[in-house]
N, C-alpha and C. Protein backbone atom coordinates (compact mmCIF):
# COMPACT_ATOMS: atom_id res chain seq x y z
N MET A 1 -4.10 16.67 -4.64
CA MET A 1 -3.53 15.47 -4.07
C MET A 1 -4.28 15.10 -2.80
N ILE A 2 -4.54 13.82 -2.68
CA ILE A 2 -5.18 13.30 -1.48
C ILE A 2 -4.34 12.16 -0.94
N ALA A 3 -4.67 11.72 0.27
CA ALA A 3 -3.93 10.62 0.90
C ALA A 3 -4.90 9.54 1.35
N ARG A 4 -4.42 8.31 1.26
CA ARG A 4 -5.17 7.17 1.77
C ARG A 4 -4.24 6.24 2.53
N ARG A 5 -4.87 5.52 3.46
CA ARG A 5 -4.16 4.53 4.27
C ARG A 5 -4.93 3.21 4.15
N TRP A 6 -4.18 2.12 4.01
CA TRP A 6 -4.79 0.80 3.90
C TRP A 6 -4.17 -0.14 4.92
N ILE A 7 -4.99 -1.02 5.46
CA ILE A 7 -4.53 -2.13 6.29
C ILE A 7 -4.88 -3.39 5.50
N ILE A 8 -3.86 -4.17 5.16
CA ILE A 8 -4.05 -5.36 4.36
C ILE A 8 -3.78 -6.57 5.24
N SER A 9 -4.72 -7.50 5.28
CA SER A 9 -4.54 -8.70 6.10
C SER A 9 -4.60 -9.94 5.22
N GLY A 10 -4.07 -11.01 5.76
CA GLY A 10 -3.97 -12.27 5.04
C GLY A 10 -2.53 -12.75 5.14
N ARG A 11 -2.10 -13.50 4.13
CA ARG A 11 -0.69 -13.92 4.07
C ARG A 11 0.06 -12.86 3.27
N VAL A 12 0.48 -11.80 3.98
CA VAL A 12 1.08 -10.64 3.32
C VAL A 12 2.47 -10.29 3.88
N GLN A 13 2.97 -11.08 4.82
CA GLN A 13 4.32 -10.86 5.31
C GLN A 13 5.18 -12.06 4.92
N GLY A 14 6.43 -11.76 4.54
CA GLY A 14 7.35 -12.83 4.16
C GLY A 14 7.13 -13.38 2.76
N VAL A 15 6.36 -12.65 1.94
CA VAL A 15 6.04 -13.13 0.59
C VAL A 15 6.32 -12.07 -0.48
N GLY A 16 7.09 -11.04 -0.14
CA GLY A 16 7.42 -9.98 -1.09
C GLY A 16 6.34 -8.95 -1.31
N PHE A 17 5.35 -8.93 -0.41
CA PHE A 17 4.22 -8.02 -0.59
C PHE A 17 4.65 -6.56 -0.53
N ARG A 18 5.50 -6.19 0.42
CA ARG A 18 5.92 -4.78 0.52
C ARG A 18 6.66 -4.32 -0.73
N TRP A 19 7.54 -5.16 -1.27
CA TRP A 19 8.26 -4.81 -2.49
C TRP A 19 7.29 -4.67 -3.66
N PHE A 20 6.27 -5.52 -3.70
CA PHE A 20 5.22 -5.42 -4.70
C PHE A 20 4.51 -4.07 -4.62
N VAL A 21 4.19 -3.64 -3.39
CA VAL A 21 3.51 -2.36 -3.20
C VAL A 21 4.41 -1.21 -3.65
N VAL A 22 5.69 -1.27 -3.31
CA VAL A 22 6.63 -0.22 -3.72
C VAL A 22 6.68 -0.13 -5.24
N LYS A 23 6.77 -1.26 -5.93
CA LYS A 23 6.82 -1.23 -7.39
C LYS A 23 5.55 -0.64 -7.98
N CYS A 24 4.40 -1.09 -7.49
CA CYS A 24 3.12 -0.57 -7.99
C CYS A 24 3.02 0.94 -7.75
N ALA A 25 3.36 1.38 -6.55
CA ALA A 25 3.28 2.80 -6.22
C ALA A 25 4.23 3.62 -7.07
N ASN A 26 5.45 3.14 -7.25
CA ASN A 26 6.41 3.87 -8.08
C ASN A 26 5.95 3.93 -9.53
N ASP A 27 5.39 2.84 -10.04
CA ASP A 27 4.87 2.83 -11.42
C ASP A 27 3.77 3.87 -11.60
N LEU A 28 3.02 4.14 -10.53
CA LEU A 28 1.92 5.11 -10.58
C LEU A 28 2.38 6.53 -10.20
N GLY A 29 3.63 6.68 -9.81
CA GLY A 29 4.14 8.00 -9.43
C GLY A 29 3.67 8.48 -8.07
N LEU A 30 3.33 7.54 -7.19
CA LEU A 30 2.83 7.90 -5.86
C LEU A 30 3.98 8.05 -4.87
N LYS A 31 3.72 8.78 -3.80
CA LYS A 31 4.64 8.91 -2.69
C LYS A 31 3.98 8.34 -1.45
N GLY A 32 4.79 7.82 -0.54
CA GLY A 32 4.25 7.25 0.68
C GLY A 32 5.14 6.19 1.25
N TRP A 33 4.54 5.20 1.88
CA TRP A 33 5.31 4.15 2.53
C TRP A 33 4.45 2.90 2.75
N VAL A 34 5.14 1.82 3.07
CA VAL A 34 4.48 0.55 3.39
C VAL A 34 5.30 -0.10 4.51
N ARG A 35 4.62 -0.75 5.45
CA ARG A 35 5.34 -1.39 6.55
C ARG A 35 4.58 -2.61 7.06
N ASN A 36 5.33 -3.54 7.65
CA ASN A 36 4.74 -4.67 8.34
C ASN A 36 4.24 -4.23 9.70
N GLU A 37 3.14 -4.81 10.14
CA GLU A 37 2.63 -4.56 11.47
C GLU A 37 2.88 -5.81 12.33
N ALA A 38 2.97 -5.62 13.63
CA ALA A 38 3.28 -6.71 14.56
C ALA A 38 2.25 -7.84 14.52
N ASN A 39 1.01 -7.53 14.15
CA ASN A 39 -0.05 -8.55 14.14
C ASN A 39 -0.11 -9.35 12.84
N GLY A 40 0.83 -9.12 11.92
CA GLY A 40 0.86 -9.86 10.66
C GLY A 40 0.25 -9.13 9.48
N ASP A 41 -0.39 -7.99 9.74
CA ASP A 41 -0.94 -7.18 8.65
C ASP A 41 0.16 -6.33 8.02
N VAL A 42 -0.17 -5.70 6.91
CA VAL A 42 0.69 -4.71 6.29
C VAL A 42 -0.11 -3.42 6.21
N GLN A 43 0.54 -2.31 6.52
CA GLN A 43 -0.09 -1.00 6.40
C GLN A 43 0.60 -0.25 5.27
N ALA A 44 -0.20 0.40 4.43
CA ALA A 44 0.34 1.21 3.34
C ALA A 44 -0.30 2.59 3.40
N TYR A 45 0.46 3.59 2.99
CA TYR A 45 0.01 4.98 2.97
C TYR A 45 0.52 5.59 1.68
N ALA A 46 -0.35 6.28 0.96
CA ALA A 46 0.07 6.88 -0.31
C ALA A 46 -0.62 8.21 -0.53
N ILE A 47 0.09 9.08 -1.26
CA ILE A 47 -0.42 10.38 -1.66
C ILE A 47 -0.41 10.44 -3.18
N GLY A 48 -1.51 10.92 -3.75
CA GLY A 48 -1.58 11.06 -5.20
C GLY A 48 -2.97 11.48 -5.62
N SER A 49 -3.24 11.32 -6.89
CA SER A 49 -4.57 11.63 -7.40
C SER A 49 -5.54 10.51 -7.01
N GLU A 50 -6.81 10.84 -6.99
CA GLU A 50 -7.82 9.84 -6.65
C GLU A 50 -7.74 8.65 -7.59
N ALA A 51 -7.57 8.91 -8.88
CA ALA A 51 -7.51 7.83 -9.87
C ALA A 51 -6.32 6.91 -9.62
N ASP A 52 -5.15 7.48 -9.34
CA ASP A 52 -3.97 6.66 -9.10
C ASP A 52 -4.07 5.90 -7.78
N LEU A 53 -4.67 6.50 -6.77
CA LEU A 53 -4.87 5.78 -5.50
C LEU A 53 -5.87 4.64 -5.69
N ASP A 54 -6.88 4.85 -6.52
CA ASP A 54 -7.82 3.76 -6.84
C ASP A 54 -7.09 2.62 -7.54
N ARG A 55 -6.17 2.95 -8.44
CA ARG A 55 -5.39 1.92 -9.13
C ARG A 55 -4.52 1.14 -8.14
N LEU A 56 -3.87 1.86 -7.22
CA LEU A 56 -3.07 1.18 -6.21
C LEU A 56 -3.94 0.27 -5.36
N ALA A 57 -5.12 0.75 -4.98
CA ALA A 57 -6.03 -0.08 -4.18
C ALA A 57 -6.37 -1.38 -4.91
N GLY A 58 -6.55 -1.30 -6.21
CA GLY A 58 -6.81 -2.51 -6.99
C GLY A 58 -5.66 -3.49 -6.90
N HIS A 59 -4.42 -3.00 -6.96
CA HIS A 59 -3.24 -3.87 -6.82
C HIS A 59 -3.19 -4.47 -5.41
N LEU A 60 -3.54 -3.68 -4.40
CA LEU A 60 -3.52 -4.19 -3.03
C LEU A 60 -4.51 -5.32 -2.85
N HIS A 61 -5.67 -5.21 -3.45
CA HIS A 61 -6.68 -6.27 -3.36
C HIS A 61 -6.21 -7.54 -4.07
N LYS A 62 -5.49 -7.38 -5.16
CA LYS A 62 -4.99 -8.53 -5.92
C LYS A 62 -3.82 -9.19 -5.19
N GLY A 63 -2.87 -8.38 -4.73
CA GLY A 63 -1.71 -8.90 -4.01
C GLY A 63 -0.58 -9.34 -4.91
N SER A 64 0.54 -9.65 -4.30
CA SER A 64 1.72 -10.14 -5.01
C SER A 64 1.52 -11.61 -5.35
N PRO A 65 2.37 -12.15 -6.22
CA PRO A 65 2.19 -13.54 -6.67
C PRO A 65 2.09 -14.58 -5.55
N HIS A 66 2.84 -14.41 -4.45
CA HIS A 66 2.83 -15.42 -3.39
C HIS A 66 1.98 -15.03 -2.18
N SER A 67 1.31 -13.90 -2.24
CA SER A 67 0.48 -13.47 -1.11
C SER A 67 -0.94 -13.99 -1.27
N GLU A 68 -1.66 -13.92 -0.18
CA GLU A 68 -3.10 -14.23 -0.17
C GLU A 68 -3.79 -13.13 0.62
N VAL A 69 -4.33 -12.16 -0.09
CA VAL A 69 -4.99 -11.03 0.56
C VAL A 69 -6.38 -11.46 1.01
N ARG A 70 -6.66 -11.26 2.28
CA ARG A 70 -7.97 -11.60 2.83
C ARG A 70 -8.86 -10.36 2.89
N THR A 71 -8.34 -9.26 3.46
CA THR A 71 -9.12 -8.02 3.55
C THR A 71 -8.22 -6.82 3.31
N VAL A 72 -8.83 -5.77 2.79
CA VAL A 72 -8.16 -4.48 2.62
C VAL A 72 -9.08 -3.42 3.20
N ASP A 73 -8.65 -2.80 4.28
CA ASP A 73 -9.42 -1.73 4.91
C ASP A 73 -8.83 -0.41 4.46
N GLN A 74 -9.64 0.43 3.83
CA GLN A 74 -9.17 1.71 3.30
C GLN A 74 -9.77 2.86 4.08
N GLN A 75 -8.91 3.87 4.36
CA GLN A 75 -9.35 5.09 5.03
C GLN A 75 -8.71 6.29 4.35
N GLU A 76 -9.42 7.39 4.35
CA GLU A 76 -8.81 8.64 3.90
C GLU A 76 -7.79 9.05 4.95
N GLY A 77 -6.73 9.70 4.53
CA GLY A 77 -5.68 10.09 5.47
C GLY A 77 -5.31 11.55 5.31
N ALA A 78 -4.58 12.04 6.29
CA ALA A 78 -4.03 13.39 6.21
C ALA A 78 -2.78 13.34 5.34
N VAL A 79 -2.55 14.40 4.59
CA VAL A 79 -1.38 14.45 3.72
C VAL A 79 -0.13 14.70 4.56
N GLU A 80 0.80 13.75 4.51
CA GLU A 80 2.08 13.84 5.22
C GLU A 80 3.16 14.34 4.26
N ARG A 81 4.26 14.78 4.81
CA ARG A 81 5.41 15.18 3.98
C ARG A 81 6.25 13.95 3.70
N VAL A 82 6.18 13.45 2.50
CA VAL A 82 7.02 12.33 2.06
C VAL A 82 7.57 12.69 0.69
N HIS A 83 8.76 12.16 0.38
CA HIS A 83 9.43 12.55 -0.84
C HIS A 83 9.58 11.41 -1.84
N SER A 84 9.24 10.20 -1.44
CA SER A 84 9.35 9.04 -2.31
C SER A 84 8.40 7.97 -1.77
N PHE A 85 8.46 6.78 -2.31
CA PHE A 85 7.70 5.67 -1.74
C PHE A 85 8.70 4.67 -1.19
N GLU A 86 8.59 4.36 0.10
CA GLU A 86 9.60 3.55 0.76
C GLU A 86 9.01 2.50 1.66
N ILE A 87 9.85 1.53 1.99
CA ILE A 87 9.50 0.52 2.99
C ILE A 87 9.99 1.05 4.34
N ARG A 88 9.11 1.00 5.32
CA ARG A 88 9.48 1.44 6.67
C ARG A 88 9.59 0.25 7.59
C-alpha cells in the first residue's frame, strides 16, 4: 500500500466535487479523505495500490459533472492511519 496526495484547482468547490471523489474512492476500495481548502482548491489523500491510485487520479483529472478541473498536483505521501474514505 502506498499513499498519494493531490491538490486540485479550478471550479471544484460548491459543485459536488468532494462527494464525487468519495464515490470514486469507495468504488476503488481506497481509504483516505478529501477537503476544501481556503484558497478554493480541493485536497485529496488516499491509500491503496498504485493501480487504484492511478485510477483515482484519472477521475480527479476528469472531475465531477459540474466541476472544471484546471490542474491536479500529485505528490507521494506518508501512509496515515485512516479507516474509511471521508470528507473532512
